[in-house]
Amino acid sequence: MLEILSLIRQDGDPRWCRSVPNWDRGPWLETLLGLRRARANARPRIISSPLPVHMFPKAFFGSKAKV
């Protein structure tokens, strides 16, 4: 899924996918390092999470984020 979203974000250009590691393109939000990387990424951000959707904060569902 991360590869597909990365390609969509870059209009199908695979150079970004090949040059930037997965953990920088779609960091895990649950780790401090992942949170810092996510905040530093340009918008629209790709964020990964192993959590089931029912464990996300309620504020998430009022945001414009896509799941």
Protein backbone atom coordinates (compact mmCIF):
# COMPACT_ATOMS: atom_id res chain seq x y z
CA MET A 1 0.00 0.00 0.00
CA LEU A 2 2.86 2.36 0.80
CA GLU A 3 4.34 1.87 -2.67
CA ILE A 4 1.02 2.63 -4.34
CA LEU A 5 0.42 5.75 -2.25
CA SER A 6 3.98 6.92 -2.86
CA LEU A 7 3.52 6.59 -6.61
CA ILE A 8 0.19 8.42 -6.49
CA ARG A 9 1.78 11.22 -4.47
CA GLN A 10 4.56 11.57 -7.05
CA ASP A 11 2.27 11.33 -10.12
CA GLY A 12 3.62 7.89 -11.02
CA ASP A 13 7.31 8.86 -10.95
CA PRO A 14 9.17 5.96 -9.26
CA ARG A 15 12.39 7.89 -8.52
CA TRP A 16 11.16 9.03 -5.08
CA CYS A 17 10.11 5.48 -4.16
CA ARG A 18 13.52 4.15 -5.18
CA SER A 19 15.55 6.82 -3.41
CA VAL A 20 13.68 7.30 -0.10
CA PRO A 21 13.36 4.37 2.34
CA ASN A 22 9.93 3.18 3.49
CA TRP A 23 10.37 4.46 7.04
CA ASP A 24 10.91 8.00 5.72
CA ARG A 25 8.04 7.93 3.20
CA GLY A 26 5.45 6.44 5.58
CA PRO A 27 6.71 6.51 9.16
CA TRP A 28 4.85 4.75 11.98
CA LEU A 29 2.99 7.30 14.03
CA GLU A 30 3.28 5.30 17.29
CA THR A 31 7.01 5.82 17.71
CA LEU A 32 8.65 9.08 18.71
CA LEU A 33 11.05 8.89 15.78
CA GLY A 34 8.15 8.13 13.41
CA LEU A 35 6.17 11.09 14.74
CA ARG A 36 9.12 13.42 14.20
CA ARG A 37 9.63 12.11 10.67
CA ALA A 38 5.93 12.44 9.88
CA ARG A 39 5.85 16.05 11.04
CA ALA A 40 8.92 16.84 8.94
CA ASN A 41 7.47 15.33 5.75
CA ALA A 42 5.85 17.60 3.19
CA ARG A 43 2.08 17.56 2.87
CA PRO A 44 0.17 15.53 1.93
CA ARG A 45 1.82 13.14 4.36
CA ILE A 46 1.78 9.38 4.25
CA ILE A 47 1.65 7.89 7.73
CA SER A 48 1.65 4.18 8.59
CA SER A 49 0.11 2.60 11.65
CA PRO A 50 -0.26 -1.00 12.83
CA LEU A 51 -3.20 0.00 15.05
CA PRO A 52 -6.74 -1.10 14.21
CA VAL A 53 -8.94 1.81 13.25
CA HIS A 54 -11.08 1.58 16.42
CA MET A 55 -7.99 2.45 18.52
CA PHE A 56 -7.31 5.75 16.72
CA PRO A 57 -8.03 8.95 18.68
CA LYS A 58 -11.53 10.38 18.21
CA ALA A 59 -10.06 13.62 16.84
CA PHE A 60 -8.73 11.64 13.88
CA PHE A 61 -12.22 10.94 12.62
CA GLY A 62 -13.11 14.63 12.59
CA SER A 63 -10.05 15.47 10.48
CA LYS A 64 -9.62 15.44 6.70
CA ALA A 65 -7.27 12.43 6.86
CA LYS A 66 -7.86 9.53 4.48
CA VAL A 67 -7.80 5.94 5.71
